[in-house]
Amino acid sequence: MEHVINAIVTRAVDYKDSDRILTLYSLEKGKISAGIKGVKKASAKLKFASEPFCFSEYVLAEKAGRYTVIGASHLDSFYNLRLDMLKYYSASVVLETINSLVVEGEADASLFTLVVETAKKLNYENGELLTLASYLISLIGVLGYKIEEFDCSSCGETIEGRVFFNPQTAEFCCLSCRENGFMEITAETYGALKTLTENPSATEITKSALIKLTRFLFFYLNLKTDVTLKSANSLLQYLQNL
């Protein structure tokens, strides 16, 4: 049986002498694994289709529940992601979230669109940290951990000055209402998160605030999923050395 899917390669692992095992995130089938033969040979016609970030229409042969790539039509390689370290690390975070947090075989058209559109923005536009932060906020919502309320969870007032966050309930509170177990976050982090959550198309956020927000989102995602993203650590280290 053959299947045609639109998919992006989120991981490629060498197998045997010249083959690879791909993790594909697709519109039609969600995340799946598929073998692809002979692609490590210099003359391989499907070599392009076995590279991470490759976005193609894949033709799969299915046998005994296993998939093998037998054809591919190139849609986009997102080549610029390989030329800029900030773009590369940011895009690697996107791919790793799919590899680590998405259940295999569950299609989600909105999440697929989010991944592809994020890859396009990272590849073709500037503002990488803004794009990544927006992606992480959307992903957290898809996973069921959306942060929605920004007024103080105790007194209901708008928070001004120092901000405290309850990691267990994903609620914020002011200085007067803080309790044991609440962690303080910077006003910059809070303001950037509130702005992007309420207005995903916002652009006027400082680089400093975006770095702090990205670090906070990685922390929150790890807290809720117990998954540590290696690419997140690489990105934060890179940003620290800028």
Protein backbone atom coordinates (compact mmCIF):
# COMPACT_ATOMS: atom_id res chain seq x y z
CA MET A 1 0.00 0.00 0.00
CA GLU A 2 1.23 3.49 -0.84
CA HIS A 3 0.58 6.77 0.95
CA VAL A 4 1.27 10.37 -0.06
CA ILE A 5 1.91 12.82 2.78
CA ASN A 6 3.14 16.37 3.21
CA ALA A 7 5.81 16.27 5.91
CA ILE A 8 8.84 17.92 7.43
CA VAL A 9 11.84 15.87 8.59
CA THR A 10 12.27 16.42 12.33
CA ARG A 11 15.04 13.84 12.82
CA ALA A 12 17.31 11.64 10.67
CA VAL A 13 19.31 8.72 12.09
CA ASP A 14 21.88 6.77 10.08
CA TYR A 15 21.05 3.10 9.62
CA LYS A 16 23.24 0.38 8.12
CA ASP A 17 25.77 1.52 5.51
CA SER A 18 23.74 3.95 3.45
CA ASP A 19 20.19 4.11 4.86
CA ARG A 20 18.47 6.39 7.34
CA ILE A 21 15.47 6.26 9.64
CA LEU A 22 13.47 9.48 9.41
CA THR A 23 11.03 11.01 11.82
CA LEU A 24 8.44 12.80 9.70
CA TYR A 25 5.85 15.22 11.02
CA SER A 26 3.01 15.22 8.53
CA LEU A 27 -0.33 16.86 7.91
CA GLU A 28 -2.03 13.56 7.15
CA LYS A 29 -0.59 11.12 9.70
CA GLY A 30 1.03 13.24 12.39
CA LYS A 31 4.44 12.04 13.54
CA ILE A 32 5.66 8.79 12.00
CA SER A 33 8.92 6.93 11.39
CA ALA A 34 10.00 5.87 7.92
CA GLY A 35 13.07 4.22 6.44
CA ILE A 36 14.78 5.67 3.40
CA LYS A 37 17.31 3.58 1.50
CA GLY A 38 20.64 4.43 -0.07
CA VAL A 39 20.57 8.14 0.76
CA LYS A 40 24.11 8.27 2.14
CA LYS A 41 25.47 7.48 -1.31
CA ALA A 42 26.78 10.47 -3.24
CA SER A 43 24.52 9.78 -6.22
CA ALA A 44 21.32 9.19 -4.20
CA LYS A 45 18.32 10.92 -5.81
CA LEU A 46 16.45 11.17 -2.51
CA LYS A 47 19.36 12.48 -0.48
CA PHE A 48 17.64 15.88 -0.13
CA ALA A 49 14.58 14.20 1.37
CA SER A 50 16.55 12.70 4.26
CA GLU A 51 17.86 15.94 5.75
CA PRO A 52 16.39 17.57 8.87
CA PHE A 53 14.19 20.60 8.05
CA CYS A 54 13.37 19.21 4.59
CA PHE A 55 9.72 19.85 3.73
CA SER A 56 8.45 17.61 0.94
CA GLU A 57 5.59 15.58 -0.42
CA TYR A 58 6.63 12.04 0.46
CA VAL A 59 5.47 8.82 -1.15
CA LEU A 60 5.54 5.99 1.38
CA ALA A 61 5.25 2.26 0.90
CA GLU A 62 3.65 0.51 3.86
CA LYS A 63 4.32 -3.10 4.73
CA ALA A 64 3.46 -4.81 8.01
CA GLY A 65 2.86 -1.43 9.63
CA ARG A 66 6.26 -0.03 8.60
CA TYR A 67 6.87 2.83 6.20
CA THR A 68 9.58 3.25 3.58
CA VAL A 69 10.11 6.41 1.55
CA ILE A 70 10.04 5.53 -2.14
CA GLY A 71 9.62 9.01 -3.59
CA ALA A 72 9.62 12.69 -2.66
CA SER A 73 8.82 16.02 -4.28
CA HIS A 74 10.74 18.92 -2.78
CA LEU A 75 8.70 21.80 -1.33
CA ASP A 76 11.30 23.66 0.76
CA SER A 77 14.64 22.83 2.36
CA PHE A 78 14.68 25.92 4.62
CA TYR A 79 18.31 26.31 3.64
CA ASN A 80 18.88 29.58 5.50
CA LEU A 81 18.43 27.77 8.81
CA ARG A 82 21.84 26.18 8.23
CA LEU A 83 23.59 29.48 7.58
CA ASP A 84 22.74 31.41 10.74
CA MET A 85 23.31 30.06 14.26
CA LEU A 86 20.34 31.83 15.84
CA LYS A 87 18.03 30.59 13.11
CA TYR A 88 19.48 27.07 13.40
CA TYR A 89 19.18 26.80 17.19
CA SER A 90 15.67 28.27 17.16
CA ALA A 91 14.52 25.88 14.44
CA SER A 92 16.16 22.96 16.27
CA VAL A 93 14.00 23.77 19.29
CA VAL A 94 10.89 23.53 17.10
CA LEU A 95 11.92 20.13 15.73
CA GLU A 96 12.85 18.78 19.15
CA THR A 97 9.52 19.78 20.66
CA ILE A 98 7.80 17.68 18.00
CA ASN A 99 10.16 14.75 18.52
CA SER A 100 9.84 14.84 22.30
CA LEU A 101 6.34 16.09 23.06
CA VAL A 102 4.04 14.96 20.26
CA VAL A 103 2.48 11.50 20.33
CA GLU A 104 3.20 9.39 17.26
CA GLY A 105 0.36 8.82 14.81
CA GLU A 106 -1.93 11.64 15.94
CA ALA A 107 -2.58 14.15 13.16
CA ASP A 108 -3.19 17.78 14.14
CA ALA A 109 -3.67 20.15 11.21
CA SER A 110 -3.33 23.30 13.33
CA LEU A 111 -0.08 22.14 14.94
CA PHE A 112 1.32 21.04 11.58
CA THR A 113 0.53 24.46 10.14
CA LEU A 114 2.14 26.12 13.17
CA VAL A 115 5.35 24.12 12.70
CA VAL A 116 5.62 24.82 8.97
CA GLU A 117 4.77 28.51 9.30
CA THR A 118 7.29 28.89 12.13
CA ALA A 119 9.98 27.21 10.01
CA LYS A 120 9.18 29.60 7.15
CA LYS A 121 9.40 32.67 9.39
CA LEU A 122 12.68 31.52 10.92
CA ASN A 123 14.10 30.81 7.48
CA TYR A 124 12.95 33.86 5.54
CA GLU A 125 12.49 36.60 8.15
CA ASN A 126 14.37 38.25 10.99
CA GLY A 127 13.05 38.41 14.56
CA GLU A 128 13.96 34.82 15.40
CA LEU A 129 13.42 35.13 19.16
CA LEU A 130 10.00 36.70 18.68
CA THR A 131 9.03 33.91 16.27
CA LEU A 132 10.26 31.20 18.65
CA ALA A 133 8.55 32.72 21.69
CA SER A 134 5.26 32.93 19.77
CA TYR A 135 5.66 29.30 18.72
CA LEU A 136 6.31 28.13 22.28
CA ILE A 137 3.29 30.01 23.61
CA SER A 138 1.10 28.40 20.93
CA LEU A 139 2.59 24.95 21.55
CA ILE A 140 2.01 25.24 25.29
CA GLY A 141 -1.64 25.99 24.51
CA VAL A 142 -1.92 22.97 22.19
CA LEU A 143 -0.48 20.74 24.93
CA GLY A 144 -3.13 21.98 27.37
CA TYR A 145 -0.95 24.18 29.59
CA LYS A 146 -1.97 27.62 28.34
CA ILE A 147 -1.38 30.58 30.62
CA GLU A 148 -4.50 32.73 30.30
CA GLU A 149 -4.97 34.97 33.32
CA PHE A 150 -2.60 37.87 33.98
CA ASP A 151 -4.33 39.77 36.78
CA CYS A 152 -3.50 38.84 40.36
CA SER A 153 -5.11 35.48 41.10
CA SER A 154 -5.89 36.54 44.69
CA CYS A 155 -7.04 40.14 44.64
CA GLY A 156 -7.95 40.33 40.95
CA GLU A 157 -6.13 43.61 40.45
CA THR A 158 -3.79 44.50 37.61
CA ILE A 159 -0.25 43.61 38.67
CA GLU A 160 2.21 46.47 38.90
CA GLY A 161 5.75 46.34 40.19
CA ARG A 162 7.02 42.94 41.35
CA VAL A 163 5.41 39.84 39.82
CA PHE A 164 5.10 36.34 41.28
CA PHE A 165 4.18 33.12 39.49
CA ASN A 166 2.66 29.91 40.83
CA PRO A 167 4.19 27.14 38.66
CA GLN A 168 1.59 24.59 39.75
CA THR A 169 -1.50 26.58 38.78
CA ALA A 170 0.07 28.85 36.14
CA GLU A 171 -1.28 31.92 37.94
CA PHE A 172 0.30 35.28 38.72
CA CYS A 173 0.00 37.38 41.83
CA CYS A 174 1.17 40.70 43.14
CA LEU A 175 3.62 41.34 45.96
CA SER A 176 0.87 41.77 48.56
CA CYS A 177 -0.77 38.43 47.71
CA ARG A 178 2.26 36.22 47.17
CA GLU A 179 2.41 32.90 49.02
CA ASN A 180 5.06 30.30 49.78
CA GLY A 181 6.04 28.40 46.66
CA PHE A 182 5.47 31.31 44.31
CA MET A 183 8.50 32.32 42.24
CA GLU A 184 9.36 35.86 41.31
CA ILE A 185 9.76 36.64 37.62
CA THR A 186 10.94 39.86 36.05
CA ALA A 187 8.49 42.50 34.97
CA GLU A 188 10.05 42.21 31.50
CA THR A 189 9.23 38.50 31.31
CA TYR A 190 5.68 39.06 32.54
CA GLY A 191 5.08 41.96 30.20
CA ALA A 192 6.40 40.13 27.14
CA LEU A 193 4.34 37.02 27.90
CA LYS A 194 1.18 39.05 28.44
CA THR A 195 1.75 41.06 25.27
CA LEU A 196 2.37 38.03 23.02
CA THR A 197 -0.46 36.01 24.55
CA GLU A 198 -2.99 38.78 24.07
CA ASN A 199 -1.58 39.92 20.72
CA PRO A 200 0.39 37.21 18.84
CA SER A 201 1.26 39.67 16.07
CA ALA A 202 2.98 42.10 18.47
CA THR A 203 6.47 43.12 17.39
CA GLU A 204 7.65 45.84 19.78
CA ILE A 205 9.29 43.67 22.44
CA THR A 206 12.91 44.21 23.40
CA LYS A 207 15.58 41.59 22.81
CA SER A 208 16.28 41.47 26.54
CA ALA A 209 12.63 40.75 27.31
CA LEU A 210 12.46 38.06 24.61
CA ILE A 211 15.52 36.26 25.97
CA LYS A 212 14.03 36.26 29.47
CA LEU A 213 10.65 35.14 28.14
CA THR A 214 12.22 32.31 26.14
CA ARG A 215 14.07 31.09 29.23
CA PHE A 216 10.83 31.23 31.23
CA LEU A 217 8.89 29.31 28.57
CA PHE A 218 11.55 26.57 28.52
CA PHE A 219 11.31 26.34 32.31
CA TYR A 220 7.51 26.15 32.23
CA LEU A 221 7.47 23.57 29.45
CA ASN A 222 9.95 21.40 31.34
CA LEU A 223 7.90 21.72 34.52
CA LYS A 224 4.70 20.57 32.82
CA THR A 225 6.13 17.82 30.60
CA ASP A 226 9.27 16.72 32.49
CA VAL A 227 11.15 16.94 29.17
CA THR A 228 14.45 18.80 28.99
CA LEU A 229 15.13 20.11 25.50
CA LYS A 230 18.83 19.82 24.62
CA SER A 231 18.40 22.36 21.85
CA ALA A 232 16.97 24.83 24.37
CA ASN A 233 20.14 24.62 26.43
CA SER A 234 22.23 25.12 23.27
CA LEU A 235 20.18 28.18 22.31
CA LEU A 236 20.41 29.77 25.76
CA GLN A 237 24.16 29.17 25.87
CA TYR A 238 24.53 30.76 22.45
CA LEU A 239 22.51 33.80 23.52
CA GLN A 240 24.61 34.14 26.65
CA ASN A 241 27.77 34.33 24.55
CA LEU A 242 26.49 36.99 22.16
